[in-house]
Amino acid sequence: MEMTLERFTELLEQKVYELAKDMIEEHGLTKLKLEQNSICTEGKITIKLSEKGRV
């Protein structure tokens, strides 16, 4: 399979999510909320961190 921008972005998105999730668990940040949105065809990954229960 050829490595396209879209495929690379998909793989990177998965790795970033896994890393962030592991770090949240490792440091006991149970109130931390991770939101991730990607537009793989454009090579864009957006990550938003916030605390649960905060507006």
Protein backbone atom coordinates (compact mmCIF):
# COMPACT_ATOMS: atom_id res chain seq x y z
CA MET A 1 0.00 0.00 0.00
CA GLU A 2 1.36 3.40 -0.97
CA MET A 3 1.91 5.85 1.88
CA THR A 4 -0.27 8.81 1.02
CA LEU A 5 -0.82 11.97 3.03
CA GLU A 6 -4.26 10.65 4.00
CA ARG A 7 -2.95 7.26 5.17
CA PHE A 8 -0.04 8.82 7.06
CA THR A 9 -2.43 11.21 8.82
CA GLU A 10 -4.68 8.29 9.81
CA LEU A 11 -1.73 6.38 11.29
CA LEU A 12 -0.41 9.46 13.08
CA GLU A 13 -3.87 10.18 14.50
CA GLN A 14 -4.04 6.68 15.97
CA LYS A 15 -0.58 6.93 17.55
CA VAL A 16 -1.23 10.37 19.03
CA TYR A 17 -4.52 9.18 20.55
CA GLU A 18 -2.90 6.07 22.03
CA LEU A 19 -0.01 8.10 23.48
CA ALA A 20 -2.31 10.73 25.00
CA LYS A 21 -4.60 8.06 26.46
CA ASP A 22 -1.63 6.21 27.99
CA MET A 23 -0.24 9.42 29.49
CA ILE A 24 -3.64 10.34 30.96
CA GLU A 25 -3.86 6.92 32.62
CA GLU A 26 -0.21 6.92 33.71
CA HIS A 27 -0.53 10.26 35.48
CA GLY A 28 -3.99 9.64 36.96
CA LEU A 29 -5.63 12.49 35.09
CA THR A 30 -9.12 11.03 35.32
CA LYS A 31 -10.80 14.42 34.87
CA LEU A 32 -9.00 15.14 31.61
CA LYS A 33 -11.09 14.92 28.47
CA LEU A 34 -9.41 14.31 25.11
CA GLU A 35 -11.15 15.34 21.90
CA GLN A 36 -9.51 14.61 18.60
CA ASN A 37 -10.71 15.56 15.13
CA SER A 38 -8.97 14.87 11.86
CA ILE A 39 -9.31 15.79 8.24
CA CYS A 40 -7.07 13.11 6.83
CA THR A 41 -7.32 14.25 3.22
CA GLU A 42 -5.85 17.61 4.25
CA GLY A 43 -3.33 16.22 6.75
CA LYS A 44 -4.94 18.04 9.69
CA ILE A 45 -5.23 16.70 13.24
CA THR A 46 -6.81 18.82 15.96
CA ILE A 47 -6.51 17.84 19.62
CA LYS A 48 -8.42 19.58 22.40
CA LEU A 49 -7.83 18.85 26.07
CA SER A 50 -10.24 19.99 28.76
CA GLU A 51 -11.34 19.03 32.24
CA LYS A 52 -14.56 17.07 32.62
CA GLY A 53 -17.27 19.09 34.32
CA ARG A 54 -15.81 22.46 33.33
CA VAL A 55 -17.66 24.73 30.92
